N, C-alpha and C. Protein backbone atom coordinates (compact mmCIF):
# COMPACT_ATOMS: atom_id res chain seq x y z
N MET A 1 0.83 -1.18 0.00
CA MET A 1 0.00 0.00 0.00
C MET A 1 0.87 1.24 0.00
N GLU A 2 0.48 2.20 -0.78
CA GLU A 2 1.28 3.40 -0.94
C GLU A 2 0.50 4.62 -0.45
N LEU A 3 1.11 5.41 0.42
CA LEU A 3 0.52 6.67 0.86
C LEU A 3 0.84 7.74 -0.19
N LYS A 4 -0.19 8.43 -0.64
CA LYS A 4 -0.02 9.42 -1.70
C LYS A 4 -0.23 10.82 -1.14
N THR A 5 0.37 11.81 -1.77
CA THR A 5 0.28 13.19 -1.28
C THR A 5 -1.16 13.69 -1.25
N ASN A 6 -2.01 13.21 -2.17
CA ASN A 6 -3.40 13.67 -2.18
C ASN A 6 -4.23 13.04 -1.06
N MET A 7 -3.64 12.16 -0.29
CA MET A 7 -4.34 11.53 0.83
C MET A 7 -3.91 12.16 2.16
N ILE A 8 -3.24 13.31 2.09
CA ILE A 8 -2.74 13.98 3.28
C ILE A 8 -3.27 15.41 3.31
N LYS A 9 -3.82 15.81 4.44
CA LYS A 9 -4.25 17.20 4.65
C LYS A 9 -3.45 17.75 5.82
N LEU A 10 -2.74 18.85 5.55
CA LEU A 10 -1.92 19.47 6.57
C LEU A 10 -2.63 20.68 7.17
N ASP A 11 -2.22 21.02 8.40
CA ASP A 11 -2.60 22.28 9.03
C ASP A 11 -4.11 22.49 9.06
N GLN A 12 -4.83 21.49 9.53
CA GLN A 12 -6.29 21.59 9.61
C GLN A 12 -6.72 22.12 10.99
N GLU A 13 -7.77 22.91 11.00
CA GLU A 13 -8.39 23.33 12.25
C GLU A 13 -9.75 22.64 12.31
N VAL A 14 -9.94 21.80 13.31
CA VAL A 14 -11.12 20.96 13.39
C VAL A 14 -11.73 21.08 14.79
N PRO A 15 -13.01 21.46 14.88
CA PRO A 15 -13.62 21.65 16.20
C PRO A 15 -14.08 20.37 16.89
N THR A 16 -14.37 19.30 16.13
CA THR A 16 -14.89 18.08 16.75
C THR A 16 -14.21 16.84 16.18
N ARG A 17 -14.25 15.77 16.98
CA ARG A 17 -13.68 14.50 16.51
C ARG A 17 -14.42 13.99 15.28
N ASP A 18 -15.75 14.16 15.24
CA ASP A 18 -16.51 13.69 14.08
C ASP A 18 -16.06 14.40 12.81
N GLN A 19 -15.79 15.69 12.92
CA GLN A 19 -15.31 16.42 11.74
C GLN A 19 -13.93 15.93 11.32
N ALA A 20 -13.09 15.64 12.28
CA ALA A 20 -11.76 15.11 11.96
C ALA A 20 -11.89 13.78 11.22
N ILE A 21 -12.81 12.93 11.69
CA ILE A 21 -13.02 11.63 11.04
C ILE A 21 -13.60 11.85 9.63
N ARG A 22 -14.50 12.82 9.50
CA ARG A 22 -15.08 13.09 8.17
C ARG A 22 -14.00 13.56 7.17
N ILE A 23 -13.06 14.36 7.62
CA ILE A 23 -11.98 14.80 6.72
C ILE A 23 -11.13 13.59 6.31
N ALA A 24 -10.77 12.76 7.29
CA ALA A 24 -9.97 11.57 6.98
C ALA A 24 -10.73 10.65 6.04
N GLY A 25 -12.04 10.49 6.28
CA GLY A 25 -12.86 9.63 5.44
C GLY A 25 -13.04 10.19 4.03
N GLN A 26 -13.21 11.51 3.95
CA GLN A 26 -13.39 12.12 2.62
C GLN A 26 -12.14 11.95 1.77
N LEU A 27 -10.97 12.00 2.41
CA LEU A 27 -9.73 11.74 1.67
C LEU A 27 -9.73 10.32 1.10
N LEU A 28 -10.26 9.37 1.88
CA LEU A 28 -10.35 7.98 1.39
C LEU A 28 -11.35 7.89 0.24
N VAL A 29 -12.46 8.64 0.33
CA VAL A 29 -13.44 8.67 -0.76
C VAL A 29 -12.81 9.29 -2.00
N ASP A 30 -12.20 10.44 -1.83
CA ASP A 30 -11.59 11.14 -2.98
C ASP A 30 -10.45 10.34 -3.60
N GLY A 31 -9.79 9.53 -2.79
CA GLY A 31 -8.70 8.69 -3.29
C GLY A 31 -9.18 7.41 -3.95
N GLY A 32 -10.50 7.20 -3.97
CA GLY A 32 -11.05 6.02 -4.64
C GLY A 32 -10.98 4.75 -3.80
N CYS A 33 -10.72 4.89 -2.51
CA CYS A 33 -10.58 3.71 -1.65
C CYS A 33 -11.92 3.22 -1.09
N VAL A 34 -12.84 4.14 -0.86
CA VAL A 34 -14.12 3.78 -0.24
C VAL A 34 -15.26 4.55 -0.87
N GLU A 35 -16.47 4.05 -0.62
CA GLU A 35 -17.67 4.79 -0.99
C GLU A 35 -18.00 5.76 0.14
N PRO A 36 -18.76 6.83 -0.14
CA PRO A 36 -19.05 7.84 0.89
C PRO A 36 -19.69 7.28 2.16
N ASP A 37 -20.49 6.22 2.07
CA ASP A 37 -21.12 5.65 3.27
C ASP A 37 -20.11 5.11 4.28
N TYR A 38 -18.90 4.87 3.85
CA TYR A 38 -17.87 4.38 4.76
C TYR A 38 -17.57 5.40 5.87
N ILE A 39 -17.73 6.68 5.57
CA ILE A 39 -17.43 7.72 6.56
C ILE A 39 -18.35 7.58 7.77
N ASP A 40 -19.64 7.35 7.53
CA ASP A 40 -20.56 7.14 8.66
C ASP A 40 -20.18 5.90 9.45
N SER A 41 -19.68 4.89 8.76
CA SER A 41 -19.22 3.68 9.42
C SER A 41 -18.01 3.98 10.33
N MET A 42 -17.14 4.88 9.88
CA MET A 42 -15.98 5.27 10.69
C MET A 42 -16.43 5.97 11.97
N ILE A 43 -17.42 6.84 11.83
CA ILE A 43 -17.94 7.57 13.00
C ILE A 43 -18.64 6.60 13.96
N ALA A 44 -19.43 5.68 13.39
CA ALA A 44 -20.12 4.68 14.24
C ALA A 44 -19.10 3.84 15.01
N ARG A 45 -18.01 3.47 14.33
CA ARG A 45 -16.97 2.66 14.98
C ARG A 45 -16.36 3.43 16.14
N ASN A 46 -16.08 4.71 15.92
CA ASN A 46 -15.49 5.52 16.98
C ASN A 46 -16.46 5.72 18.15
N ASN A 47 -17.75 5.78 17.85
CA ASN A 47 -18.74 5.91 18.93
C ASN A 47 -18.86 4.62 19.74
N ASP A 48 -18.66 3.47 19.07
CA ASP A 48 -18.72 2.18 19.76
C ASP A 48 -17.48 1.96 20.63
N VAL A 49 -16.33 2.12 20.01
CA VAL A 49 -15.05 1.94 20.68
C VAL A 49 -14.12 3.04 20.18
N SER A 50 -13.60 3.82 21.09
CA SER A 50 -12.76 4.95 20.69
C SER A 50 -11.58 4.50 19.83
N THR A 51 -11.29 5.29 18.82
CA THR A 51 -10.14 5.02 17.97
C THR A 51 -8.93 5.85 18.41
N TYR A 52 -9.07 6.52 19.57
CA TYR A 52 -7.95 7.24 20.15
C TYR A 52 -6.92 6.22 20.62
N MET A 53 -5.66 6.40 20.21
CA MET A 53 -4.63 5.41 20.51
C MET A 53 -3.62 5.89 21.55
N GLY A 54 -3.78 7.13 22.03
CA GLY A 54 -2.77 7.70 22.90
C GLY A 54 -1.71 8.38 22.06
N ASN A 55 -0.76 9.06 22.72
CA ASN A 55 0.34 9.74 22.01
C ASN A 55 -0.17 10.70 20.92
N PHE A 56 -1.35 11.28 21.15
CA PHE A 56 -1.89 12.33 20.27
C PHE A 56 -2.33 11.82 18.90
N ILE A 57 -2.61 10.52 18.79
CA ILE A 57 -3.09 10.01 17.50
C ILE A 57 -4.43 9.28 17.65
N ALA A 58 -5.18 9.27 16.57
CA ALA A 58 -6.39 8.46 16.45
C ALA A 58 -6.33 7.75 15.10
N ILE A 59 -6.87 6.54 15.07
CA ILE A 59 -6.84 5.75 13.84
C ILE A 59 -8.27 5.28 13.54
N PRO A 60 -9.12 6.19 13.08
CA PRO A 60 -10.49 5.77 12.76
C PRO A 60 -10.56 4.87 11.53
N HIS A 61 -11.42 3.88 11.65
CA HIS A 61 -11.69 2.95 10.56
C HIS A 61 -13.12 2.48 10.71
N GLY A 62 -13.65 1.81 9.73
CA GLY A 62 -15.07 1.47 9.72
C GLY A 62 -15.42 0.26 10.57
N THR A 63 -16.71 0.08 10.73
CA THR A 63 -17.24 -1.10 11.42
C THR A 63 -17.16 -2.31 10.49
N ASP A 64 -17.41 -3.48 11.02
CA ASP A 64 -17.44 -4.68 10.18
C ASP A 64 -18.49 -4.53 9.08
N SER A 65 -19.65 -3.97 9.43
CA SER A 65 -20.70 -3.81 8.41
C SER A 65 -20.32 -2.76 7.37
N GLY A 66 -19.38 -1.88 7.70
CA GLY A 66 -18.94 -0.86 6.76
C GLY A 66 -17.93 -1.36 5.75
N LYS A 67 -17.42 -2.59 5.95
CA LYS A 67 -16.40 -3.13 5.03
C LYS A 67 -16.92 -3.24 3.60
N LYS A 68 -18.25 -3.36 3.45
CA LYS A 68 -18.81 -3.48 2.10
C LYS A 68 -18.59 -2.21 1.27
N TYR A 69 -18.25 -1.10 1.92
CA TYR A 69 -18.02 0.16 1.21
C TYR A 69 -16.57 0.34 0.78
N ILE A 70 -15.70 -0.60 1.15
CA ILE A 70 -14.27 -0.48 0.82
C ILE A 70 -14.01 -1.02 -0.58
N LYS A 71 -13.38 -0.20 -1.40
CA LYS A 71 -13.02 -0.60 -2.77
C LYS A 71 -11.59 -1.13 -2.81
N GLU A 72 -10.72 -0.47 -2.06
CA GLU A 72 -9.31 -0.89 -1.99
C GLU A 72 -8.71 -0.37 -0.69
N THR A 73 -7.67 -1.01 -0.24
CA THR A 73 -7.00 -0.60 0.99
C THR A 73 -6.38 0.79 0.80
N GLY A 74 -6.56 1.62 1.81
CA GLY A 74 -6.00 2.96 1.73
C GLY A 74 -5.78 3.56 3.10
N ILE A 75 -4.98 4.60 3.14
CA ILE A 75 -4.68 5.32 4.37
C ILE A 75 -4.71 6.81 4.06
N SER A 76 -5.26 7.58 4.98
CA SER A 76 -5.23 9.03 4.86
C SER A 76 -4.64 9.59 6.15
N VAL A 77 -4.11 10.80 6.05
CA VAL A 77 -3.51 11.45 7.21
C VAL A 77 -4.04 12.88 7.29
N VAL A 78 -4.53 13.24 8.48
CA VAL A 78 -4.99 14.60 8.72
C VAL A 78 -4.17 15.16 9.88
N GLN A 79 -3.46 16.23 9.60
CA GLN A 79 -2.62 16.89 10.60
C GLN A 79 -3.42 18.04 11.21
N ILE A 80 -3.53 18.04 12.54
CA ILE A 80 -4.31 19.05 13.25
C ILE A 80 -3.40 19.66 14.32
N PRO A 81 -2.60 20.65 13.95
CA PRO A 81 -1.58 21.18 14.87
C PRO A 81 -2.11 21.64 16.23
N MET A 82 -3.30 22.24 16.26
CA MET A 82 -3.85 22.71 17.54
C MET A 82 -4.60 21.60 18.27
N GLY A 83 -4.77 20.48 17.61
CA GLY A 83 -5.41 19.32 18.22
C GLY A 83 -6.92 19.39 18.23
N VAL A 84 -7.52 18.23 18.42
CA VAL A 84 -8.96 18.09 18.57
C VAL A 84 -9.20 17.04 19.64
N ASP A 85 -10.21 17.26 20.47
CA ASP A 85 -10.50 16.35 21.58
C ASP A 85 -11.26 15.13 21.05
N PHE A 86 -10.69 13.93 21.25
CA PHE A 86 -11.33 12.69 20.82
C PHE A 86 -12.03 11.97 21.97
N SER A 87 -12.11 12.61 23.14
CA SER A 87 -12.74 11.92 24.26
C SER A 87 -14.25 11.83 24.07
N ASP A 88 -14.85 10.89 24.78
CA ASP A 88 -16.30 10.77 24.81
C ASP A 88 -16.85 12.04 25.43
N PRO A 89 -17.93 12.61 24.86
CA PRO A 89 -18.47 13.85 25.42
C PRO A 89 -18.87 13.74 26.89
N ASP A 90 -19.11 12.53 27.37
CA ASP A 90 -19.51 12.35 28.76
C ASP A 90 -18.32 12.20 29.71
N GLU A 91 -17.12 12.18 29.15
CA GLU A 91 -15.93 12.02 29.98
C GLU A 91 -15.28 13.37 30.26
N ASP A 92 -14.61 13.44 31.40
CA ASP A 92 -13.94 14.68 31.78
C ASP A 92 -12.52 14.76 31.24
N GLN A 93 -11.91 13.61 30.96
CA GLN A 93 -10.50 13.60 30.56
C GLN A 93 -10.36 13.85 29.06
N GLU A 94 -9.61 14.88 28.71
CA GLU A 94 -9.39 15.21 27.31
C GLU A 94 -8.44 14.20 26.66
N GLN A 95 -8.75 13.84 25.41
CA GLN A 95 -7.87 12.98 24.62
C GLN A 95 -7.49 13.77 23.37
N LEU A 96 -6.44 14.56 23.50
CA LEU A 96 -6.03 15.46 22.43
C LEU A 96 -5.35 14.70 21.30
N VAL A 97 -5.79 14.96 20.08
CA VAL A 97 -5.25 14.31 18.90
C VAL A 97 -4.73 15.37 17.93
N THR A 98 -3.49 15.17 17.48
CA THR A 98 -2.91 16.08 16.49
C THR A 98 -2.72 15.42 15.12
N VAL A 99 -2.80 14.09 15.10
CA VAL A 99 -2.68 13.37 13.83
C VAL A 99 -3.76 12.28 13.78
N VAL A 100 -4.57 12.33 12.71
CA VAL A 100 -5.61 11.33 12.50
C VAL A 100 -5.23 10.51 11.27
N PHE A 101 -5.20 9.19 11.45
CA PHE A 101 -4.95 8.27 10.34
C PHE A 101 -6.28 7.61 9.98
N GLY A 102 -6.81 7.88 8.80
CA GLY A 102 -8.00 7.19 8.33
C GLY A 102 -7.57 5.91 7.64
N ILE A 103 -8.24 4.80 7.98
CA ILE A 103 -7.84 3.50 7.44
C ILE A 103 -9.02 2.82 6.77
N ALA A 104 -8.78 2.25 5.60
CA ALA A 104 -9.72 1.34 4.96
C ALA A 104 -8.92 0.12 4.53
N GLY A 105 -9.35 -1.04 4.98
CA GLY A 105 -8.60 -2.25 4.66
C GLY A 105 -9.49 -3.32 4.04
N LYS A 106 -9.11 -3.79 2.86
CA LYS A 106 -9.81 -4.93 2.25
C LYS A 106 -9.47 -6.16 3.06
N GLY A 107 -10.49 -6.99 3.31
CA GLY A 107 -10.26 -8.18 4.14
C GLY A 107 -9.76 -7.75 5.50
N ASN A 108 -8.65 -8.27 5.92
CA ASN A 108 -8.07 -7.89 7.20
C ASN A 108 -6.77 -7.12 7.02
N GLU A 109 -6.56 -6.54 5.83
CA GLU A 109 -5.32 -5.79 5.58
C GLU A 109 -5.15 -4.64 6.56
N HIS A 110 -6.27 -4.08 7.04
CA HIS A 110 -6.17 -2.93 7.93
C HIS A 110 -5.52 -3.29 9.26
N LEU A 111 -5.60 -4.56 9.66
CA LEU A 111 -5.01 -4.95 10.94
C LEU A 111 -3.50 -4.76 10.93
N ASN A 112 -2.87 -5.12 9.82
CA ASN A 112 -1.42 -4.92 9.70
C ASN A 112 -1.08 -3.43 9.68
N ILE A 113 -1.89 -2.64 8.96
CA ILE A 113 -1.64 -1.20 8.89
C ILE A 113 -1.80 -0.58 10.28
N LEU A 114 -2.88 -0.96 10.96
CA LEU A 114 -3.11 -0.45 12.32
C LEU A 114 -1.92 -0.77 13.22
N SER A 115 -1.46 -2.00 13.14
CA SER A 115 -0.36 -2.43 13.97
C SER A 115 0.91 -1.63 13.67
N GLN A 116 1.21 -1.45 12.39
CA GLN A 116 2.42 -0.74 12.00
C GLN A 116 2.38 0.74 12.42
N ILE A 117 1.23 1.37 12.23
CA ILE A 117 1.11 2.78 12.62
C ILE A 117 1.23 2.90 14.14
N ALA A 118 0.54 2.02 14.86
CA ALA A 118 0.61 2.06 16.33
C ALA A 118 2.04 1.87 16.81
N LEU A 119 2.76 0.96 16.18
CA LEU A 119 4.16 0.72 16.56
C LEU A 119 5.01 1.96 16.28
N PHE A 120 4.86 2.54 15.09
CA PHE A 120 5.63 3.72 14.72
C PHE A 120 5.33 4.88 15.67
N CYS A 121 4.05 5.04 16.00
CA CYS A 121 3.63 6.17 16.82
C CYS A 121 3.74 5.90 18.32
N SER A 122 4.20 4.71 18.69
CA SER A 122 4.44 4.45 20.12
C SER A 122 5.59 5.32 20.62
N ASP A 123 6.42 5.78 19.70
CA ASP A 123 7.46 6.76 20.03
C ASP A 123 6.87 8.14 19.75
N VAL A 124 6.57 8.88 20.80
CA VAL A 124 5.88 10.16 20.65
C VAL A 124 6.70 11.16 19.82
N SER A 125 8.02 10.97 19.73
CA SER A 125 8.82 11.87 18.90
C SER A 125 8.47 11.67 17.42
N ASN A 126 8.07 10.45 17.04
CA ASN A 126 7.63 10.23 15.65
C ASN A 126 6.32 10.96 15.38
N VAL A 127 5.42 10.98 16.36
CA VAL A 127 4.16 11.70 16.21
C VAL A 127 4.43 13.19 16.06
N ALA A 128 5.36 13.70 16.86
CA ALA A 128 5.71 15.12 16.79
C ALA A 128 6.26 15.47 15.40
N LYS A 129 7.04 14.57 14.82
CA LYS A 129 7.58 14.83 13.48
C LYS A 129 6.46 14.91 12.46
N ILE A 130 5.47 14.03 12.57
CA ILE A 130 4.32 14.07 11.65
C ILE A 130 3.51 15.34 11.89
N ALA A 131 3.29 15.67 13.16
CA ALA A 131 2.49 16.86 13.49
C ALA A 131 3.17 18.15 13.05
N ASP A 132 4.50 18.14 12.97
CA ASP A 132 5.25 19.34 12.59
C ASP A 132 5.60 19.39 11.10
N ALA A 133 5.29 18.35 10.35
CA ALA A 133 5.67 18.31 8.93
C ALA A 133 5.05 19.49 8.18
N LYS A 134 5.81 20.04 7.27
CA LYS A 134 5.33 21.19 6.48
C LYS A 134 4.85 20.78 5.10
N TYR A 135 5.23 19.58 4.66
CA TYR A 135 4.87 19.13 3.32
C TYR A 135 4.43 17.66 3.37
N PRO A 136 3.47 17.28 2.53
CA PRO A 136 3.03 15.87 2.52
C PRO A 136 4.18 14.89 2.29
N ASP A 137 5.14 15.26 1.47
CA ASP A 137 6.26 14.35 1.21
C ASP A 137 7.05 14.01 2.48
N GLU A 138 7.09 14.94 3.43
CA GLU A 138 7.77 14.67 4.70
C GLU A 138 7.06 13.54 5.44
N ILE A 139 5.73 13.59 5.44
CA ILE A 139 4.96 12.55 6.13
C ILE A 139 5.12 11.22 5.41
N ILE A 140 5.09 11.24 4.09
CA ILE A 140 5.29 10.00 3.33
C ILE A 140 6.65 9.39 3.66
N SER A 141 7.66 10.24 3.73
CA SER A 141 9.00 9.75 4.04
C SER A 141 9.05 9.14 5.45
N LEU A 142 8.38 9.80 6.41
CA LEU A 142 8.37 9.29 7.78
C LEU A 142 7.65 7.94 7.87
N LEU A 143 6.58 7.79 7.09
CA LEU A 143 5.76 6.59 7.19
C LEU A 143 6.15 5.51 6.19
N GLN A 144 7.21 5.75 5.46
CA GLN A 144 7.63 4.77 4.47
C GLN A 144 7.82 3.41 5.13
N GLY A 145 7.20 2.44 4.59
CA GLY A 145 7.33 1.11 5.15
C GLY A 145 6.16 0.71 6.02
N VAL A 146 5.38 1.70 6.51
CA VAL A 146 4.20 1.36 7.31
C VAL A 146 3.19 0.67 6.41
N GLY A 147 2.72 -0.46 6.84
CA GLY A 147 1.72 -1.20 6.09
C GLY A 147 2.30 -2.18 5.09
N ASN A 148 3.62 -2.22 4.98
CA ASN A 148 4.25 -3.17 4.05
C ASN A 148 4.64 -4.45 4.77
C-alpha cells in the first residue's frame, strides 16, 4: 500500500472529533478507496469503541458492516496542529489528537496497517515529526514502510 500526497491534509483546524473523522474519510473517498457511506461507518466505529490510541493520535476505521463500502486498501492522514479532543463527550478527561490516520482495509489488511502505525507512533517523537511536517512528502518519508 502506498501513501499518496493527495491523501494527506496538513494544518487543519477541526472543532470536533466527528469532523476530523469526516476529513480523513473524505480523503479515502476522494482517493477512490471507499464509498461515501464508509465515513458514517468510521464515526459509528469511533462511537462504539474509541479510535484514540494515545500519544496524540487516532486511527479511525469502519465497522465490520462498513467493510462493504471499501473498494481498496488505503490510508489518509490529517494533521491538526492545535489538536482536537477525541474523548467521549460524557468524559472529563481530554484525549487530544494532532494526527488522524483514516484507514480502509480490504479483508483484514487494515489490521497490519493499524499495527504498524501504532508501533511507529508508540514513540511520541515520531508523532511530533508528523504533526510538525510542512509538506506531505515529509509525512510519506516518515511513514515509508508502514503497512508493508
